[in-house]
Amino acid sequence: MIANATPGPDAANPHRLYRKVALAACFGTFIEWYDFLTFASLAVHFGALFFPPDDPVAGLLASLATFGIGMVVRPLGAALFGSFGDRYGRRKVFITTIGIMGAATFAVGLLPTYAQWGLGASFLLLALRLIQGLAMGGEIGGANVYLAEHAPVNKRGAMTSILQWMGGLGILASTFQIVLLQSWLSAEAFAAWGWRIPFLLSALLLLASLKARLALQESPVFQQLRQSHEIALTPLRDCLRERRTLGRMGLLFFCISAGGSLLFFCSQVYAPIFLKTVVKMEPVLAGRITLLATLCLFPLTFLCGALSDRIGRRPVVLAGLALGLLCMLPIYAALQHFAAEPAPSALVVFALLLPPVIAVALVTGPQTAQLSELFPARTRYTAVGLPHNLAAGWIGGLSPFMTTLITAKTGNPMLGLCYPVALLALALVVGMLFMPETRGSDLNQ
């Protein structure tokens, strides 16, 4: 068991302490997203590397399904590590999850390919994706809770919104790295060994993150629970028994987390796949355009978090769900139009990708604060982590696979996109009916 860090000079300087907490929480979450999304960025390549090469469409579907499987098991990791976080402390789980995820990601870079080991390579890749998914399930909810429990109440939306940068920053880093590698290396060299570099380099990031997290102290909210002997011994069972908590977990699953993950995956994960496979855009150019669109997430997410501190979480999140619902099909239809053109305008494609990015920022900017504000302190880690990962894994994580599958079966990419759009409509309706305003909630309660 890892001992708590001893109190240091940061305890007397709350601003310095928060910066330290934010750096460690965000750095670790960045690594989780970097590791996880590097695979998503290479999904098209992995179809040929780890699955039978005779059917490219089947290989792509298998690759996306493997990515989706890692998302599907996230709720199991959330239930396991969430219970540990509510019983034994946020900090210990923080260190454990990043270690597991980092080791699994490094191992992906060492895997043999289908040409070398056949289905054995496919099985090993799937096993590592399952391990990554379990670790990420414990990480995402815990990072939300840990950061929110340290943030000042009047600036909680803005100051915790930086955690949401990590998804975009993970995509930015992995995409930028892959674009550089594809620019520097020949297609043959990249397929032979270049794809391994992002996974192997993650070991350096892991060491830096572990150092930052080992220097952290326990969350003050959990310390208060421990001192008052109010720690939940069976947090998952308590969540399922408390009607109010269970109802808000349902709200998280069907609305807040589902909506955010659908928008994120549609705009950040599926968009480059769509540009490469449907629009037939040159892969390096598609990567550069989506990279620029991702850059816009950083200021927009902070501004939306700050806006929720002024006008409330509810109106900001509902506006993001509505924007995403209204713009998704028209924008992808416009992108599909460029498939018939020999050289689509990069500027126009970039402009079309911006509205979904704004929708993502509106939903995810207030999200870190909102998730923790919905639940009582004694079961917060579990109550946040389980539905959030269920939605991100089962709804958001499978949406690229489902849209690609429906597209492959029907031959119409727009019919495939009806799947996430229909779920966005459900999220908006649920939010309008049941979402409470949580701005200013006392997280010690």
Protein backbone atom coordinates (compact mmCIF):
# COMPACT_ATOMS: atom_id res chain seq x y z
CA MET A 1 0.00 0.00 0.00
CA ILE A 2 1.29 3.45 -0.88
CA ALA A 3 1.61 5.86 2.03
CA ASN A 4 0.18 9.36 1.89
CA ALA A 5 2.59 12.14 1.05
CA THR A 6 3.70 14.15 4.08
CA PRO A 7 2.35 17.68 4.35
CA GLY A 8 4.64 20.28 2.86
CA PRO A 9 4.79 24.04 2.37
CA ASP A 10 2.02 23.82 -0.23
CA ALA A 11 -0.54 23.30 2.55
CA ALA A 12 -0.19 26.96 3.54
CA ASN A 13 -0.48 28.16 -0.07
CA PRO A 14 -3.79 26.97 -1.57
CA HIS A 15 -3.07 28.45 -5.00
CA ARG A 16 0.26 26.66 -5.24
CA LEU A 17 -1.35 23.47 -3.95
CA TYR A 18 -4.11 23.65 -6.56
CA ARG A 19 -1.60 24.16 -9.36
CA LYS A 20 0.28 21.10 -8.14
CA VAL A 21 -2.90 19.04 -7.94
CA ALA A 22 -4.09 20.22 -11.35
CA LEU A 23 -0.73 19.45 -12.95
CA ALA A 24 -0.61 15.91 -11.57
CA ALA A 25 -4.27 15.16 -12.32
CA CYS A 26 -4.14 16.61 -15.80
CA PHE A 27 -0.76 15.17 -16.71
CA GLY A 28 -1.89 11.69 -15.79
CA THR A 29 -5.19 12.06 -17.60
CA PHE A 30 -3.34 13.40 -20.64
CA ILE A 31 -1.28 10.23 -20.71
CA GLU A 32 -4.43 8.11 -20.44
CA TRP A 33 -5.96 9.93 -23.42
CA TYR A 34 -2.70 9.99 -25.36
CA ASP A 35 -2.34 6.25 -24.94
CA PHE A 36 -5.95 5.50 -25.71
CA LEU A 37 -6.33 7.86 -28.66
CA THR A 38 -3.07 6.91 -30.33
CA PHE A 39 -4.76 3.60 -31.03
CA ALA A 40 -7.84 5.40 -32.41
CA SER A 41 -5.65 7.52 -34.67
CA LEU A 42 -4.00 4.36 -36.02
CA ALA A 43 -7.24 2.38 -36.37
CA VAL A 44 -7.04 2.44 -40.17
CA HIS A 45 -3.44 1.16 -40.08
CA PHE A 46 -4.11 -1.43 -37.37
CA GLY A 47 -6.77 -3.03 -39.55
CA ALA A 48 -4.00 -4.17 -41.89
CA LEU A 49 -1.34 -4.76 -39.20
CA PHE A 50 -3.26 -6.98 -36.79
CA PHE A 51 -6.11 -8.50 -38.78
CA PRO A 52 -6.45 -10.54 -42.02
CA PRO A 53 -5.41 -8.20 -44.87
CA ASP A 54 -7.61 -9.75 -47.58
CA ASP A 55 -10.68 -7.65 -46.68
CA PRO A 56 -9.80 -3.99 -45.84
CA VAL A 57 -13.34 -3.11 -44.69
CA ALA A 58 -13.48 -6.12 -42.36
CA GLY A 59 -10.03 -5.21 -41.06
CA LEU A 60 -11.12 -1.64 -40.31
CA LEU A 61 -14.26 -2.88 -38.54
CA ALA A 62 -12.21 -5.33 -36.49
CA SER A 63 -9.78 -2.57 -35.54
CA LEU A 64 -12.60 -0.23 -34.51
CA ALA A 65 -14.26 -3.08 -32.60
CA THR A 66 -11.02 -3.65 -30.70
CA PHE A 67 -10.92 0.05 -29.87
CA GLY A 68 -14.57 -0.19 -28.78
CA ILE A 69 -13.92 -3.23 -26.56
CA GLY A 70 -11.45 -1.19 -24.57
CA MET A 71 -14.21 1.34 -24.01
CA VAL A 72 -16.82 -1.30 -23.12
CA VAL A 73 -14.81 -2.62 -20.16
CA ARG A 74 -14.27 0.86 -18.75
CA PRO A 75 -17.33 0.56 -16.46
CA LEU A 76 -15.82 -2.52 -14.84
CA GLY A 77 -12.69 -0.54 -14.09
CA ALA A 78 -14.83 2.33 -12.80
CA ALA A 79 -16.75 0.03 -10.44
CA LEU A 80 -13.57 -1.62 -9.16
CA PHE A 81 -11.32 1.40 -8.79
CA GLY A 82 -14.22 3.69 -7.84
CA SER A 83 -15.00 1.50 -4.83
CA PHE A 84 -11.32 1.56 -3.87
CA GLY A 85 -11.28 5.34 -4.24
CA ASP A 86 -14.28 5.80 -1.92
CA ARG A 87 -12.94 3.32 0.64
CA TYR A 88 -9.18 3.83 0.66
CA GLY A 89 -8.59 7.27 -0.87
CA ARG A 90 -8.38 9.04 -4.21
CA ARG A 91 -4.57 9.30 -4.31
CA LYS A 92 -3.76 5.58 -4.10
CA VAL A 93 -6.10 4.79 -7.00
CA PHE A 94 -4.61 7.64 -9.03
CA ILE A 95 -1.16 6.09 -8.82
CA THR A 96 -2.36 2.55 -9.52
CA THR A 97 -4.41 3.31 -12.63
CA ILE A 98 -1.73 5.31 -14.39
CA GLY A 99 0.82 2.57 -13.75
CA ILE A 100 -1.40 -0.15 -15.23
CA MET A 101 -2.35 1.91 -18.26
CA GLY A 102 1.21 2.96 -18.99
CA ALA A 103 2.54 -0.59 -18.85
CA ALA A 104 -0.17 -1.89 -21.19
CA THR A 105 0.41 0.91 -23.68
CA PHE A 106 4.16 0.35 -23.76
CA ALA A 107 3.50 -3.33 -24.44
CA VAL A 108 1.40 -2.45 -27.53
CA GLY A 109 4.56 -1.03 -29.09
CA LEU A 110 6.26 -4.42 -28.67
CA LEU A 111 3.51 -6.56 -30.22
CA PRO A 112 4.11 -8.84 -33.20
CA THR A 113 1.85 -8.20 -36.21
CA TYR A 114 -0.65 -10.47 -37.93
CA ALA A 115 1.95 -11.31 -40.58
CA GLN A 116 4.24 -12.62 -37.82
CA TRP A 117 1.88 -14.32 -35.35
CA GLY A 118 -1.47 -14.49 -37.15
CA LEU A 119 -4.50 -14.47 -34.84
CA GLY A 120 -2.18 -14.62 -31.84
CA ALA A 121 -1.22 -11.01 -32.54
CA SER A 122 -4.90 -10.03 -32.77
CA PHE A 123 -5.56 -11.72 -29.40
CA LEU A 124 -2.65 -9.99 -27.67
CA LEU A 125 -3.77 -6.60 -28.99
CA LEU A 126 -7.29 -7.24 -27.71
CA ALA A 127 -5.97 -8.30 -24.28
CA LEU A 128 -3.93 -5.12 -23.92
CA ARG A 129 -6.91 -3.02 -24.98
CA LEU A 130 -8.96 -4.65 -22.23
CA ILE A 131 -6.29 -3.81 -19.65
CA GLN A 132 -6.12 -0.23 -20.92
CA GLY A 133 -9.90 0.09 -20.70
CA LEU A 134 -10.03 -1.18 -17.11
CA ALA A 135 -7.34 1.28 -16.01
CA MET A 136 -8.93 4.18 -17.86
CA GLY A 137 -12.26 3.42 -16.21
CA GLY A 138 -10.69 4.02 -12.82
CA GLU A 139 -8.76 7.08 -13.97
CA ILE A 140 -11.37 9.27 -15.66
CA GLY A 141 -13.93 9.48 -12.86
CA GLY A 142 -11.25 9.79 -10.21
CA ALA A 143 -9.54 12.68 -11.95
CA ASN A 144 -12.87 14.52 -12.14
CA VAL A 145 -13.52 14.04 -8.43
CA TYR A 146 -9.98 14.75 -7.23
CA LEU A 147 -9.67 18.02 -9.11
CA ALA A 148 -13.17 19.25 -8.27
CA GLU A 149 -12.66 18.58 -4.56
CA HIS A 150 -9.66 20.93 -4.56
CA ALA A 151 -11.19 23.76 -6.62
CA PRO A 152 -12.68 26.99 -5.16
CA VAL A 153 -16.46 26.94 -5.35
CA ASN A 154 -16.94 30.24 -7.21
CA LYS A 155 -14.47 29.30 -9.97
CA ARG A 156 -15.01 25.55 -10.01
CA GLY A 157 -16.33 25.40 -13.57
CA ALA A 158 -13.41 27.33 -15.06
CA MET A 159 -10.64 25.85 -12.94
CA THR A 160 -11.73 22.23 -13.45
CA SER A 161 -12.43 22.66 -17.16
CA ILE A 162 -8.71 22.30 -17.81
CA LEU A 163 -9.09 18.56 -17.16
CA GLN A 164 -11.23 18.40 -20.29
CA TRP A 165 -8.30 19.78 -22.27
CA MET A 166 -6.59 16.45 -21.83
CA GLY A 167 -8.78 14.67 -24.36
CA GLY A 168 -7.98 17.29 -26.98
CA LEU A 169 -4.35 17.49 -25.90
CA GLY A 170 -4.05 13.71 -26.11
CA ILE A 171 -5.43 13.80 -29.65
CA LEU A 172 -3.21 16.75 -30.49
CA ALA A 173 -0.05 15.01 -29.28
CA SER A 174 -0.80 11.64 -30.83
CA THR A 175 -2.00 13.13 -34.13
CA PHE A 176 0.95 15.54 -34.36
CA GLN A 177 3.38 12.73 -33.65
CA ILE A 178 1.80 10.45 -36.25
CA VAL A 179 1.72 13.24 -38.86
CA LEU A 180 5.44 13.87 -38.27
CA LEU A 181 6.27 10.20 -38.52
CA GLN A 182 4.26 9.81 -41.72
CA SER A 183 5.98 12.90 -43.15
CA TRP A 184 9.47 11.72 -42.24
CA LEU A 185 9.10 8.01 -42.99
CA SER A 186 8.11 6.17 -46.10
CA ALA A 187 4.79 4.31 -46.04
CA GLU A 188 6.69 1.04 -45.88
CA ALA A 189 8.85 2.13 -42.93
CA PHE A 190 5.85 3.49 -41.01
CA ALA A 191 3.94 0.21 -41.51
CA ALA A 192 7.00 -1.85 -40.57
CA TRP A 193 8.10 -0.07 -37.36
CA GLY A 194 7.20 3.63 -37.31
CA TRP A 195 3.76 3.03 -35.77
CA ARG A 196 5.45 1.59 -32.66
CA ILE A 197 7.20 4.84 -31.70
CA PRO A 198 4.22 6.64 -30.04
CA PHE A 199 3.54 3.64 -27.81
CA LEU A 200 7.16 3.16 -26.78
CA LEU A 201 7.62 6.86 -26.02
CA SER A 202 4.71 6.71 -23.57
CA ALA A 203 7.10 5.12 -21.05
CA LEU A 204 8.81 8.51 -20.58
CA LEU A 205 5.46 10.21 -20.00
CA LEU A 206 4.50 7.51 -17.51
CA LEU A 207 7.61 8.07 -15.39
CA ALA A 208 6.99 11.83 -15.26
CA SER A 209 3.34 11.33 -14.29
CA LEU A 210 4.16 8.86 -11.52
CA LYS A 211 6.63 11.33 -10.05
CA ALA A 212 4.00 14.09 -10.04
CA ARG A 213 1.32 11.89 -8.49
CA LEU A 214 3.54 10.45 -5.78
CA ALA A 215 4.06 14.02 -4.52
CA LEU A 216 0.32 14.58 -4.02
CA GLN A 217 -1.60 14.54 -0.76
CA GLU A 218 -5.03 13.02 -0.26
CA SER A 219 -8.17 14.98 -1.21
CA PRO A 220 -9.33 17.24 1.67
CA VAL A 221 -12.89 15.97 1.23
CA PHE A 222 -11.78 12.35 1.71
CA GLN A 223 -9.61 13.34 4.68
CA GLN A 224 -12.69 14.88 6.31
CA LEU A 225 -14.72 11.73 5.63
CA ARG A 226 -11.99 9.61 7.23
CA GLN A 227 -11.72 11.85 10.30
CA SER A 228 -15.49 11.80 10.84
CA HIS A 229 -15.69 8.02 10.22
CA GLU A 230 -18.18 8.46 7.38
CA ILE A 231 -16.35 6.46 4.71
CA ALA A 232 -18.66 4.16 2.76
CA LEU A 233 -17.74 0.50 3.26
CA THR A 234 -19.88 -0.64 0.31
CA PRO A 235 -19.99 2.42 -1.99
CA LEU A 236 -21.39 0.66 -5.06
CA ARG A 237 -24.22 -0.93 -3.07
CA ASP A 238 -24.93 2.40 -1.37
CA CYS A 239 -25.15 4.15 -4.75
CA LEU A 240 -27.66 1.61 -6.04
CA ARG A 241 -29.77 1.80 -2.86
CA GLU A 242 -30.02 5.59 -2.62
CA ARG A 243 -32.82 6.67 -4.95
CA ARG A 244 -31.57 10.22 -5.48
CA THR A 245 -28.03 9.06 -6.24
CA LEU A 246 -29.25 6.34 -8.57
CA GLY A 247 -31.47 8.81 -10.45
CA ARG A 248 -28.58 11.20 -10.97
CA MET A 249 -26.37 8.34 -12.12
CA GLY A 250 -29.05 7.68 -14.75
CA LEU A 251 -28.95 11.36 -15.73
CA LEU A 252 -25.19 11.11 -16.13
CA PHE A 253 -25.46 7.98 -18.26
CA PHE A 254 -28.24 9.04 -20.62
CA CYS A 255 -27.49 12.75 -20.86
CA ILE A 256 -24.36 14.51 -19.59
CA SER A 257 -21.68 11.87 -20.14
CA ALA A 258 -23.40 10.25 -23.12
CA GLY A 259 -23.84 13.59 -24.86
CA GLY A 260 -20.27 14.69 -24.20
CA SER A 261 -18.75 11.42 -25.33
CA LEU A 262 -20.90 11.25 -28.48
CA LEU A 263 -19.91 14.76 -29.47
CA PHE A 264 -16.26 14.11 -28.67
CA PHE A 265 -16.04 10.92 -30.65
CA CYS A 266 -18.04 12.27 -33.59
CA SER A 267 -15.95 15.43 -33.85
CA GLN A 268 -12.52 14.18 -32.77
CA VAL A 269 -12.29 10.42 -33.36
CA TYR A 270 -14.67 9.68 -36.23
CA ALA A 271 -13.97 12.88 -38.19
CA PRO A 272 -10.44 11.92 -39.33
CA ILE A 273 -11.64 8.41 -40.17
CA PHE A 274 -14.46 9.92 -42.26
CA LEU A 275 -12.09 12.28 -44.04
CA LYS A 276 -9.71 9.45 -44.92
CA THR A 277 -12.21 6.73 -45.87
CA VAL A 278 -15.25 8.62 -47.26
CA VAL A 279 -13.87 11.97 -48.44
CA LYS A 280 -10.70 10.17 -49.61
CA MET A 281 -8.55 13.02 -48.32
CA GLU A 282 -4.82 12.50 -48.23
CA PRO A 283 -4.08 11.11 -44.70
CA VAL A 284 -1.44 13.67 -43.72
CA LEU A 285 -3.66 16.59 -44.79
CA ALA A 286 -6.64 15.11 -42.94
CA GLY A 287 -4.50 14.79 -39.82
CA ARG A 288 -3.36 18.41 -40.03
CA ILE A 289 -6.89 19.76 -40.44
CA THR A 290 -8.29 17.78 -37.53
CA LEU A 291 -5.28 18.80 -35.45
CA LEU A 292 -6.07 22.50 -36.05
CA ALA A 293 -9.73 21.94 -35.18
CA THR A 294 -8.66 20.23 -31.96
CA LEU A 295 -6.52 23.26 -31.02
CA CYS A 296 -9.70 25.32 -30.86
CA LEU A 297 -11.02 23.10 -28.05
CA PHE A 298 -8.60 24.55 -25.49
CA PRO A 299 -9.81 28.17 -25.23
CA LEU A 300 -13.42 27.22 -25.95
CA THR A 301 -13.56 24.63 -23.16
CA PHE A 302 -12.17 27.06 -20.59
CA LEU A 303 -14.56 29.81 -21.69
CA CYS A 304 -17.54 27.45 -21.45
CA GLY A 305 -16.46 26.32 -17.98
CA ALA A 306 -16.16 29.96 -16.89
CA LEU A 307 -19.54 30.73 -18.47
CA SER A 308 -21.13 27.98 -16.37
CA ASP A 309 -19.76 29.72 -13.24
CA ARG A 310 -21.74 32.80 -14.24
CA ILE A 311 -25.03 31.49 -15.65
CA GLY A 312 -25.08 27.89 -14.37
CA ARG A 313 -24.14 24.44 -15.63
CA ARG A 314 -27.57 23.50 -16.99
CA PRO A 315 -28.03 26.14 -19.75
CA VAL A 316 -24.47 25.72 -21.04
CA VAL A 317 -24.67 21.93 -21.30
CA LEU A 318 -28.12 21.97 -22.91
CA ALA A 319 -26.92 24.50 -25.48
CA GLY A 320 -24.05 22.18 -26.43
CA LEU A 321 -26.34 19.18 -26.84
CA ALA A 322 -28.74 21.20 -28.99
CA LEU A 323 -25.96 22.57 -31.20
CA GLY A 324 -24.47 19.11 -31.71
CA LEU A 325 -27.86 17.63 -32.58
CA LEU A 326 -28.64 20.33 -35.12
CA CYS A 327 -25.26 20.50 -36.86
CA MET A 328 -23.92 16.94 -37.02
CA LEU A 329 -25.79 15.58 -40.06
CA PRO A 330 -25.59 18.79 -42.17
CA ILE A 331 -21.83 19.11 -41.55
CA TYR A 332 -21.00 15.53 -42.44
CA ALA A 333 -23.25 15.80 -45.51
CA ALA A 334 -21.23 18.85 -46.56
CA LEU A 335 -17.98 16.94 -45.98
CA GLN A 336 -19.29 14.03 -48.03
CA HIS A 337 -19.92 16.45 -50.88
CA PHE A 338 -16.15 16.97 -51.18
CA ALA A 339 -15.64 13.26 -51.94
CA ALA A 340 -16.49 14.01 -55.58
CA GLU A 341 -13.90 16.79 -55.79
CA PRO A 342 -10.24 16.04 -56.57
CA ALA A 343 -8.85 18.60 -54.08
CA PRO A 344 -11.27 19.74 -51.35
CA SER A 345 -10.51 23.09 -49.76
CA ALA A 346 -8.67 22.55 -46.47
CA LEU A 347 -9.99 25.88 -45.13
CA VAL A 348 -13.61 24.95 -45.84
CA VAL A 349 -13.16 21.52 -44.25
CA PHE A 350 -11.64 23.17 -41.18
CA ALA A 351 -14.56 25.62 -40.93
CA LEU A 352 -17.04 22.75 -41.14
CA LEU A 353 -15.34 20.95 -38.26
CA LEU A 354 -15.65 23.96 -35.92
CA PRO A 355 -19.37 23.79 -34.91
CA PRO A 356 -19.04 20.25 -33.51
CA VAL A 357 -15.95 21.41 -31.63
CA ILE A 358 -17.96 24.26 -30.08
CA ALA A 359 -20.67 21.78 -29.10
CA VAL A 360 -18.05 19.59 -27.40
CA ALA A 361 -16.73 22.58 -25.44
CA LEU A 362 -20.20 23.62 -24.26
CA VAL A 363 -20.90 20.17 -22.83
CA THR A 364 -17.46 19.29 -21.47
CA GLY A 365 -16.41 22.72 -20.18
CA PRO A 366 -18.74 22.53 -17.12
CA GLN A 367 -18.61 18.73 -16.96
CA THR A 368 -15.81 18.15 -14.44
CA ALA A 369 -17.47 20.42 -11.89
CA GLN A 370 -21.00 19.23 -12.68
CA LEU A 371 -20.22 15.54 -12.26
CA SER A 372 -18.87 15.96 -8.74
CA GLU A 373 -21.59 18.44 -7.74
CA LEU A 374 -24.31 15.89 -8.46
CA PHE A 375 -23.29 13.39 -5.75
CA PRO A 376 -22.58 13.10 -1.99
CA ALA A 377 -18.94 12.94 -0.91
CA ARG A 378 -18.96 9.44 0.62
CA THR A 379 -19.89 7.68 -2.66
CA ARG A 380 -18.82 10.34 -5.17
CA TYR A 381 -15.94 8.45 -6.81
CA THR A 382 -18.14 5.44 -7.59
CA ALA A 383 -21.25 7.47 -8.47
CA VAL A 384 -19.30 9.59 -10.95
CA GLY A 385 -17.08 6.89 -12.40
CA LEU A 386 -19.57 4.12 -13.15
CA PRO A 387 -22.21 5.94 -15.24
CA HIS A 388 -19.63 8.24 -16.83
CA ASN A 389 -17.63 5.27 -18.08
CA LEU A 390 -20.74 3.33 -19.04
CA ALA A 391 -21.78 6.22 -21.26
CA ALA A 392 -18.32 6.91 -22.64
CA GLY A 393 -17.66 3.22 -23.26
CA TRP A 394 -20.98 1.78 -24.36
CA ILE A 395 -22.35 4.84 -26.14
CA GLY A 396 -19.47 7.09 -27.13
CA GLY A 397 -16.78 4.45 -27.55
CA LEU A 398 -18.90 2.22 -29.77
CA SER A 399 -20.26 5.05 -31.91
CA PRO A 400 -17.34 5.05 -34.42
CA PHE A 401 -17.75 1.29 -34.85
CA MET A 402 -21.55 1.49 -35.15
CA THR A 403 -21.48 4.33 -37.64
CA THR A 404 -18.85 2.53 -39.72
CA LEU A 405 -20.80 -0.75 -39.55
CA ILE A 406 -24.09 0.84 -40.62
CA THR A 407 -22.26 2.68 -43.38
CA ALA A 408 -20.65 -0.55 -44.60
CA LYS A 409 -23.99 -2.41 -44.58
CA THR A 410 -26.01 0.34 -46.28
CA GLY A 411 -23.35 2.05 -48.38
CA ASN A 412 -24.58 5.42 -47.05
CA PRO A 413 -22.38 7.26 -44.51
CA MET A 414 -25.24 9.56 -43.54
CA LEU A 415 -27.36 6.63 -42.39
CA GLY A 416 -24.48 5.54 -40.18
CA LEU A 417 -24.39 8.97 -38.56
CA CYS A 418 -28.08 8.68 -37.67
CA TYR A 419 -26.97 6.40 -34.82
CA PRO A 420 -25.09 9.05 -32.76
CA VAL A 421 -27.56 11.76 -33.77
CA ALA A 422 -30.50 9.76 -32.41
CA LEU A 423 -28.66 9.25 -29.12
CA LEU A 424 -27.88 12.97 -28.96
CA ALA A 425 -31.59 13.67 -29.32
CA LEU A 426 -32.29 11.33 -26.38
CA ALA A 427 -29.61 13.07 -24.29
CA LEU A 428 -31.12 16.49 -24.99
CA VAL A 429 -34.63 15.38 -24.02
CA VAL A 430 -33.42 13.74 -20.80
CA GLY A 431 -31.41 16.85 -19.92
CA MET A 432 -34.30 19.21 -20.50
CA LEU A 433 -36.57 17.10 -18.31
CA PHE A 434 -34.30 16.06 -15.43
CA MET A 435 -31.02 18.05 -15.26
CA PRO A 436 -30.77 20.10 -12.02
CA GLU A 437 -28.68 23.21 -11.57
CA THR A 438 -25.64 22.33 -9.42
CA ARG A 439 -23.52 25.49 -9.52
CA GLY A 440 -22.27 26.38 -6.04
CA SER A 441 -22.84 22.95 -4.47
CA ASP A 442 -20.92 22.11 -1.28
CA LEU A 443 -18.70 19.14 -2.11
CA ASN A 444 -18.11 18.33 1.56
CA GLN A 445 -21.70 17.19 1.92
